[in-house]
Amino acid sequence: MPYILLIAGLLIGGYALYHFLRKANKDQAQKVLLTLAIGLMLVMIFVMILTGKLPIAAILTAVLIPLCVQLYRVFNRGE
């Protein structure tokens, strides 16, 4: 049952994201995609910490923080 709810939530979220991206301008779409990328990275690291894969989470954190900073700089270059 939890997997069915997870799949339903992902489908609804994907549908909402699709509709937002169809109506958003370029700046809004970039900011949403940046937020999603950083949020997914944080969730992935948090799940690895909870499942006991602390060394892998530490390595991912060390690798992904510079990537997040670079993504933020690229998307906010026009401001």
PDB file of N, CA and C in Angstrom:
ATOM      1  N   MET A   1       0.808  -1.210   0.000  1.00  0.00           N
ATOM      2  CA  MET A   1       0.000   0.000   0.000  1.00  0.00           C
ATOM      3  C   MET A   1       0.849   1.271   0.000  1.00  0.00           C
ATOM      4  N   PRO A   2       1.931   1.349   0.777  1.00  0.00           N
ATOM      5  CA  PRO A   2       2.724   2.579   0.733  1.00  0.00           C
ATOM      6  C   PRO A   2       3.320   2.844  -0.652  1.00  0.00           C
ATOM      7  N   TYR A   3       3.639   1.762  -1.375  1.00  0.00           N
ATOM      8  CA  TYR A   3       4.209   1.956  -2.708  1.00  0.00           C
ATOM      9  C   TYR A   3       3.179   2.512  -3.689  1.00  0.00           C
ATOM     10  N   ILE A   4       1.938   2.090  -3.536  1.00  0.00           N
ATOM     11  CA  ILE A   4       0.881   2.625  -4.394  1.00  0.00           C
ATOM     12  C   ILE A   4       0.701   4.116  -4.122  1.00  0.00           C
ATOM     13  N   LEU A   5       0.726   4.502  -2.847  1.00  0.00           N
ATOM     14  CA  LEU A   5       0.603   5.924  -2.506  1.00  0.00           C
ATOM     15  C   LEU A   5       1.800   6.718  -3.025  1.00  0.00           C
ATOM     16  N   LEU A   6       2.990   6.128  -2.938  1.00  0.00           N
ATOM     17  CA  LEU A   6       4.182   6.796  -3.448  1.00  0.00           C
ATOM     18  C   LEU A   6       4.079   7.006  -4.956  1.00  0.00           C
ATOM     19  N   ILE A   7       3.654   5.983  -5.676  1.00  0.00           N
ATOM     20  CA  ILE A   7       3.510   6.102  -7.128  1.00  0.00           C
ATOM     21  C   ILE A   7       2.452   7.140  -7.477  1.00  0.00           C
ATOM     22  N   ALA A   8       1.326   7.131  -6.761  1.00  0.00           N
ATOM     23  CA  ALA A   8       0.274   8.119  -7.018  1.00  0.00           C
ATOM     24  C   ALA A   8       0.783   9.533  -6.746  1.00  0.00           C
ATOM     25  N   GLY A   9       1.524   9.712  -5.665  1.00  0.00           N
ATOM     26  CA  GLY A   9       2.075  11.032  -5.353  1.00  0.00           C
ATOM     27  C   GLY A   9       3.071  11.499  -6.408  1.00  0.00           C
ATOM     28  N   LEU A  10       3.915  10.588  -6.876  1.00  0.00           N
ATOM     29  CA  LEU A  10       4.878  10.950  -7.922  1.00  0.00           C
ATOM     30  C   LEU A  10       4.179  11.314  -9.235  1.00  0.00           C
ATOM     31  N   LEU A  11       3.130  10.583  -9.568  1.00  0.00           N
ATOM     32  CA  LEU A  11       2.372  10.902 -10.786  1.00  0.00           C
ATOM     33  C   LEU A  11       1.692  12.261 -10.680  1.00  0.00           C
ATOM     34  N   ILE A  12       1.084  12.545  -9.545  1.00  0.00           N
ATOM     35  CA  ILE A  12       0.421  13.837  -9.358  1.00  0.00           C
ATOM     36  C   ILE A  12       1.441  14.971  -9.364  1.00  0.00           C
ATOM     37  N   GLY A  13       2.579  14.769  -8.685  1.00  0.00           N
ATOM     38  CA  GLY A  13       3.630  15.783  -8.672  1.00  0.00           C
ATOM     39  C   GLY A  13       4.224  16.016 -10.051  1.00  0.00           C
ATOM     40  N   GLY A  14       4.439  14.951 -10.799  1.00  0.00           N
ATOM     41  CA  GLY A  14       4.959  15.079 -12.163  1.00  0.00           C
ATOM     42  C   GLY A  14       3.986  15.815 -13.068  1.00  0.00           C
ATOM     43  N   TYR A  15       2.694  15.522 -12.915  1.00  0.00           N
ATOM     44  CA  TYR A  15       1.669  16.201 -13.706  1.00  0.00           C
ATOM     45  C   TYR A  15       1.612  17.695 -13.370  1.00  0.00           C
ATOM     46  N   ALA A  16       1.696  18.012 -12.082  1.00  0.00           N
ATOM     47  CA  ALA A  16       1.685  19.421 -11.667  1.00  0.00           C
ATOM     48  C   ALA A  16       2.930  20.142 -12.180  1.00  0.00           C
ATOM     49  N   LEU A  17       4.093  19.486 -12.109  1.00  0.00           N
ATOM     50  CA  LEU A  17       5.319  20.092 -12.627  1.00  0.00           C
ATOM     51  C   LEU A  17       5.222  20.325 -14.124  1.00  0.00           C
ATOM     52  N   TYR A  18       4.659  19.358 -14.847  1.00  0.00           N
ATOM     53  CA  TYR A  18       4.475  19.499 -16.290  1.00  0.00           C
ATOM     54  C   TYR A  18       3.610  20.713 -16.618  1.00  0.00           C
ATOM     55  N   HIS A  19       2.494  20.864 -15.921  1.00  0.00           N
ATOM     56  CA  HIS A  19       1.620  22.009 -16.187  1.00  0.00           C
ATOM     57  C   HIS A  19       2.292  23.327 -15.820  1.00  0.00           C
ATOM     58  N   PHE A  20       3.046  23.338 -14.738  1.00  0.00           N
ATOM     59  CA  PHE A  20       3.737  24.568 -14.366  1.00  0.00           C
ATOM     60  C   PHE A  20       4.773  24.946 -15.418  1.00  0.00           C
ATOM     61  N   LEU A  21       5.556  23.961 -15.861  1.00  0.00           N
ATOM     62  CA  LEU A  21       6.614  24.258 -16.821  1.00  0.00           C
ATOM     63  C   LEU A  21       6.061  24.676 -18.183  1.00  0.00           C
ATOM     64  N   ARG A  22       4.855  24.245 -18.524  1.00  0.00           N
ATOM     65  CA  ARG A  22       4.248  24.670 -19.797  1.00  0.00           C
ATOM     66  C   ARG A  22       3.862  26.141 -19.760  1.00  0.00           C
ATOM     67  N   LYS A  23       3.506  26.665 -18.582  1.00  0.00           N
ATOM     68  CA  LYS A  23       3.038  28.047 -18.475  1.00  0.00           C
ATOM     69  C   LYS A  23       4.088  29.015 -17.942  1.00  0.00           C
ATOM     70  N   ALA A  24       5.193  28.500 -17.449  1.00  0.00           N
ATOM     71  CA  ALA A  24       6.205  29.356 -16.824  1.00  0.00           C
ATOM     72  C   ALA A  24       7.126  29.964 -17.876  1.00  0.00           C
ATOM     73  N   ASN A  25       7.692  31.110 -17.519  1.00  0.00           N
ATOM     74  CA  ASN A  25       8.706  31.677 -18.405  1.00  0.00           C
ATOM     75  C   ASN A  25      10.054  31.018 -18.105  1.00  0.00           C
ATOM     76  N   LYS A  26      11.066  31.401 -18.872  1.00  0.00           N
ATOM     77  CA  LYS A  26      12.362  30.730 -18.766  1.00  0.00           C
ATOM     78  C   LYS A  26      12.974  30.879 -17.376  1.00  0.00           C
ATOM     79  N   ASP A  27      12.884  32.058 -16.797  1.00  0.00           N
ATOM     80  CA  ASP A  27      13.479  32.298 -15.483  1.00  0.00           C
ATOM     81  C   ASP A  27      12.805  31.458 -14.401  1.00  0.00           C
ATOM     82  N   GLN A  28      11.476  31.406 -14.431  1.00  0.00           N
ATOM     83  CA  GLN A  28      10.754  30.609 -13.445  1.00  0.00           C
ATOM     84  C   GLN A  28      11.076  29.127 -13.587  1.00  0.00           C
ATOM     85  N   ALA A  29      11.145  28.644 -14.811  1.00  0.00           N
ATOM     86  CA  ALA A  29      11.437  27.229 -15.042  1.00  0.00           C
ATOM     87  C   ALA A  29      12.837  26.871 -14.549  1.00  0.00           C
ATOM     88  N   GLN A  30      13.807  27.744 -14.792  1.00  0.00           N
ATOM     89  CA  GLN A  30      15.167  27.483 -14.334  1.00  0.00           C
ATOM     90  C   GLN A  30      15.230  27.416 -12.813  1.00  0.00           C
ATOM     91  N   LYS A  31      14.546  28.329 -12.151  1.00  0.00           N
ATOM     92  CA  LYS A  31      14.570  28.338 -10.687  1.00  0.00           C
ATOM     93  C   LYS A  31      13.902  27.092 -10.104  1.00  0.00           C
ATOM     94  N   VAL A  32      12.803  26.646 -10.709  1.00  0.00           N
ATOM     95  CA  VAL A  32      12.127  25.443 -10.218  1.00  0.00           C
ATOM     96  C   VAL A  32      13.010  24.220 -10.438  1.00  0.00           C
ATOM     97  N   LEU A  33      13.626  24.112 -11.597  1.00  0.00           N
ATOM     98  CA  LEU A  33      14.489  22.964 -11.867  1.00  0.00           C
ATOM     99  C   LEU A  33      15.721  22.966 -10.974  1.00  0.00           C
ATOM    100  N   LEU A  34      16.262  24.135 -10.674  1.00  0.00           N
ATOM    101  CA  LEU A  34      17.383  24.233  -9.741  1.00  0.00           C
ATOM    102  C   LEU A  34      16.961  23.775  -8.347  1.00  0.00           C
ATOM    103  N   THR A  35      15.808  24.216  -7.905  1.00  0.00           N
ATOM    104  CA  THR A  35      15.305  23.819  -6.598  1.00  0.00           C
ATOM    105  C   THR A  35      15.060  22.317  -6.537  1.00  0.00           C
ATOM    106  N   LEU A  36      14.500  21.761  -7.597  1.00  0.00           N
ATOM    107  CA  LEU A  36      14.268  20.319  -7.637  1.00  0.00           C
ATOM    108  C   LEU A  36      15.582  19.540  -7.614  1.00  0.00           C
ATOM    109  N   ALA A  37      16.574  19.998  -8.359  1.00  0.00           N
ATOM    110  CA  ALA A  37      17.858  19.302  -8.399  1.00  0.00           C
ATOM    111  C   ALA A  37      18.517  19.296  -7.020  1.00  0.00           C
ATOM    112  N   ILE A  38      18.549  20.440  -6.377  1.00  0.00           N
ATOM    113  CA  ILE A  38      19.157  20.524  -5.048  1.00  0.00           C
ATOM    114  C   ILE A  38      18.343  19.728  -4.035  1.00  0.00           C
ATOM    115  N   GLY A  39      17.033  19.802  -4.114  1.00  0.00           N
ATOM    116  CA  GLY A  39      16.182  19.046  -3.200  1.00  0.00           C
ATOM    117  C   GLY A  39      16.353  17.540  -3.361  1.00  0.00           C
ATOM    118  N   LEU A  40      16.433  17.059  -4.588  1.00  0.00           N
ATOM    119  CA  LEU A  40      16.636  15.629  -4.806  1.00  0.00           C
ATOM    120  C   LEU A  40      17.995  15.175  -4.298  1.00  0.00           C
ATOM    121  N   MET A  41      19.007  16.009  -4.461  1.00  0.00           N
ATOM    122  CA  MET A  41      20.324  15.663  -3.932  1.00  0.00           C
ATOM    123  C   MET A  41      20.287  15.557  -2.405  1.00  0.00           C
ATOM    124  N   LEU A  42      19.618  16.500  -1.757  1.00  0.00           N
ATOM    125  CA  LEU A  42      19.525  16.469  -0.301  1.00  0.00           C
ATOM    126  C   LEU A  42      18.737  15.257   0.191  1.00  0.00           C
ATOM    127  N   VAL A  43      17.649  14.933  -0.488  1.00  0.00           N
ATOM    128  CA  VAL A  43      16.857  13.758  -0.100  1.00  0.00           C
ATOM    129  C   VAL A  43      17.666  12.487  -0.279  1.00  0.00           C
ATOM    130  N   MET A  44      18.418  12.394  -1.369  1.00  0.00           N
ATOM    131  CA  MET A  44      19.235  11.208  -1.618  1.00  0.00           C
ATOM    132  C   MET A  44      20.289  11.038  -0.519  1.00  0.00           C
ATOM    133  N   ILE A  45      20.933  12.114  -0.142  1.00  0.00           N
ATOM    134  CA  ILE A  45      21.936  12.040   0.921  1.00  0.00           C
ATOM    135  C   ILE A  45      21.282  11.680   2.256  1.00  0.00           C
ATOM    136  N   PHE A  46      20.126  12.252   2.548  1.00  0.00           N
ATOM    137  CA  PHE A  46      19.417  11.967   3.796  1.00  0.00           C
ATOM    138  C   PHE A  46      19.004  10.495   3.866  1.00  0.00           C
ATOM    139  N   VAL A  47      18.523   9.936   2.767  1.00  0.00           N
ATOM    140  CA  VAL A  47      18.133   8.525   2.743  1.00  0.00           C
ATOM    141  C   VAL A  47      19.344   7.637   2.970  1.00  0.00           C
ATOM    142  N   MET A  48      20.476   7.986   2.377  1.00  0.00           N
ATOM    143  CA  MET A  48      21.678   7.183   2.586  1.00  0.00           C
ATOM    144  C   MET A  48      22.147   7.240   4.036  1.00  0.00           C
ATOM    145  N   ILE A  49      22.002   8.385   4.667  1.00  0.00           N
ATOM    146  CA  ILE A  49      22.365   8.491   6.080  1.00  0.00           C
ATOM    147  C   ILE A  49      21.436   7.617   6.920  1.00  0.00           C
ATOM    148  N   LEU A  50      20.142   7.624   6.630  1.00  0.00           N
ATOM    149  CA  LEU A  50      19.188   6.827   7.398  1.00  0.00           C
ATOM    150  C   LEU A  50      19.367   5.329   7.194  1.00  0.00           C
ATOM    151  N   THR A  51      19.828   4.922   6.012  1.00  0.00           N
ATOM    152  CA  THR A  51      19.984   3.491   5.747  1.00  0.00           C
ATOM    153  C   THR A  51      21.338   2.962   6.189  1.00  0.00           C
ATOM    154  N   GLY A  52      22.173   3.795   6.770  1.00  0.00           N
ATOM    155  CA  GLY A  52      23.440   3.328   7.301  1.00  0.00           C
ATOM    156  C   GLY A  52      24.598   3.385   6.332  1.00  0.00           C
ATOM    157  N   LYS A  53      24.440   4.066   5.249  1.00  0.00           N
ATOM    158  CA  LYS A  53      25.508   4.193   4.265  1.00  0.00           C
ATOM    159  C   LYS A  53      26.198   5.556   4.429  1.00  0.00           C
ATOM    160  N   LEU A  54      26.686   5.795   5.630  1.00  0.00           N
ATOM    161  CA  LEU A  54      27.274   7.090   5.958  1.00  0.00           C
ATOM    162  C   LEU A  54      28.512   7.422   5.119  1.00  0.00           C
ATOM    163  N   PRO A  55      29.412   6.490   4.863  1.00  0.00           N
ATOM    164  CA  PRO A  55      30.569   6.853   4.017  1.00  0.00           C
ATOM    165  C   PRO A  55      30.165   7.280   2.605  1.00  0.00           C
ATOM    166  N   ILE A  56      29.186   6.580   2.040  1.00  0.00           N
ATOM    167  CA  ILE A  56      28.729   6.950   0.696  1.00  0.00           C
ATOM    168  C   ILE A  56      28.064   8.323   0.733  1.00  0.00           C
ATOM    169  N   ALA A  57      27.277   8.589   1.775  1.00  0.00           N
ATOM    170  CA  ALA A  57      26.626   9.895   1.901  1.00  0.00           C
ATOM    171  C   ALA A  57      27.663  11.002   2.051  1.00  0.00           C
ATOM    172  N   ALA A  58      28.738  10.748   2.788  1.00  0.00           N
ATOM    173  CA  ALA A  58      29.785  11.761   2.953  1.00  0.00           C
ATOM    174  C   ALA A  58      30.486  12.039   1.618  1.00  0.00           C
ATOM    175  N   ILE A  59      30.746  10.989   0.857  1.00  0.00           N
ATOM    176  CA  ILE A  59      31.376  11.172  -0.452  1.00  0.00           C
ATOM    177  C   ILE A  59      30.458  11.943  -1.392  1.00  0.00           C
ATOM    178  N   LEU A  60      29.177  11.574  -1.405  1.00  0.00           N
ATOM    179  CA  LEU A  60      28.224  12.293  -2.262  1.00  0.00           C
ATOM    180  C   LEU A  60      28.107  13.756  -1.862  1.00  0.00           C
ATOM    181  N   THR A  61      28.124  14.015  -0.574  1.00  0.00           N
ATOM    182  CA  THR A  61      28.060  15.398  -0.122  1.00  0.00           C
ATOM    183  C   THR A  61      29.271  16.183  -0.609  1.00  0.00           C
ATOM    184  N   ALA A  62      30.434  15.589  -0.496  1.00  0.00           N
ATOM    185  CA  ALA A  62      31.660  16.267  -0.936  1.00  0.00           C
ATOM    186  C   ALA A  62      31.650  16.515  -2.441  1.00  0.00           C
ATOM    187  N   VAL A  63      31.048  15.611  -3.195  1.00  0.00           N
ATOM    188  CA  VAL A  63      31.024  15.748  -4.648  1.00  0.00           C
ATOM    189  C   VAL A  63      29.908  16.693  -5.101  1.00  0.00           C
ATOM    190  N   LEU A  64      28.747  16.625  -4.447  1.00  0.00           N
ATOM    191  CA  LEU A  64      27.581  17.353  -4.945  1.00  0.00           C
ATOM    192  C   LEU A  64      27.496  18.805  -4.489  1.00  0.00           C
ATOM    193  N   ILE A  65      28.152  19.174  -3.413  1.00  0.00           N
ATOM    194  CA  ILE A  65      28.095  20.576  -2.977  1.00  0.00           C
ATOM    195  C   ILE A  65      28.698  21.514  -4.028  1.00  0.00           C
ATOM    196  N   PRO A  66      29.881  21.223  -4.574  1.00  0.00           N
ATOM    197  CA  PRO A  66      30.375  22.112  -5.642  1.00  0.00           C
ATOM    198  C   PRO A  66      29.472  22.122  -6.874  1.00  0.00           C
ATOM    199  N   LEU A  67      28.837  20.973  -7.174  1.00  0.00           N
ATOM    200  CA  LEU A  67      27.914  20.932  -8.304  1.00  0.00           C
ATOM    201  C   LEU A  67      26.709  21.831  -8.051  1.00  0.00           C
ATOM    202  N   CYS A  68      26.171  21.802  -6.846  1.00  0.00           N
ATOM    203  CA  CYS A  68      25.035  22.671  -6.501  1.00  0.00           C
ATOM    204  C   CYS A  68      25.423  24.147  -6.584  1.00  0.00           C
ATOM    205  N   VAL A  69      26.604  24.472  -6.120  1.00  0.00           N
ATOM    206  CA  VAL A  69      27.072  25.861  -6.185  1.00  0.00           C
ATOM    207  C   VAL A  69      27.209  26.301  -7.636  1.00  0.00           C
ATOM    208  N   GLN A  70      27.755  25.438  -8.480  1.00  0.00           N
ATOM    209  CA  GLN A  70      27.913  25.783  -9.894  1.00  0.00           C
ATOM    210  C   GLN A  70      26.560  25.927 -10.578  1.00  0.00           C
ATOM    211  N   LEU A  71      25.611  25.033 -10.276  1.00  0.00           N
ATOM    212  CA  LEU A  71      24.261  25.160 -10.839  1.00  0.00           C
ATOM    213  C   LEU A  71      23.627  26.479 -10.424  1.00  0.00           C
ATOM    214  N   TYR A  72      23.781  26.843  -9.166  1.00  0.00           N
ATOM    215  CA  TYR A  72      23.214  28.095  -8.673  1.00  0.00           C
ATOM    216  C   TYR A  72      23.824  29.295  -9.398  1.00  0.00           C
ATOM    217  N   ARG A  73      25.137  29.272  -9.612  1.00  0.00           N
ATOM    218  CA  ARG A  73      25.801  30.372 -10.322  1.00  0.00           C
ATOM    219  C   ARG A  73      25.340  30.467 -11.770  1.00  0.00           C
ATOM    220  N   VAL A  74      25.211  29.325 -12.431  1.00  0.00           N
ATOM    221  CA  VAL A  74      24.800  29.330 -13.847  1.00  0.00           C
ATOM    222  C   VAL A  74      23.392  29.875 -13.978  1.00  0.00           C
ATOM    223  N   PHE A  75      22.470  29.431 -13.122  1.00  0.00           N
ATOM    224  CA  PHE A  75      21.083  29.855 -13.253  1.00  0.00           C
ATOM    225  C   PHE A  75      20.859  31.294 -12.807  1.00  0.00           C
ATOM    226  N   ASN A  76      21.690  31.821 -11.956  1.00  0.00           N
ATOM    227  CA  ASN A  76      21.506  33.186 -11.471  1.00  0.00           C
ATOM    228  C   ASN A  76      22.476  34.167 -12.105  1.00  0.00           C
ATOM    229  N   ARG A  77      23.067  33.812 -13.222  1.00  0.00           N
ATOM    230  CA  ARG A  77      24.030  34.670 -13.883  1.00  0.00           C
ATOM    231  C   ARG A  77      23.382  35.958 -14.415  1.00  0.00           C
ATOM    232  N   GLY A  78      22.127  35.871 -14.847  1.00  0.00           N
ATOM    233  CA  GLY A  78      21.479  37.031 -15.440  1.00  0.00           C
ATOM    234  C   GLY A  78      21.057  38.080 -14.426  1.00  0.00           C
ATOM    235  N   GLU A  79      21.033  37.750 -13.153  1.00  0.00           N
ATOM    236  CA  GLU A  79      20.540  38.715 -12.160  1.00  0.00           C
ATOM    237  C   GLU A  79      21.631  39.659 -11.707  1.00  0.00           C
TER     238      GLU A  79
END
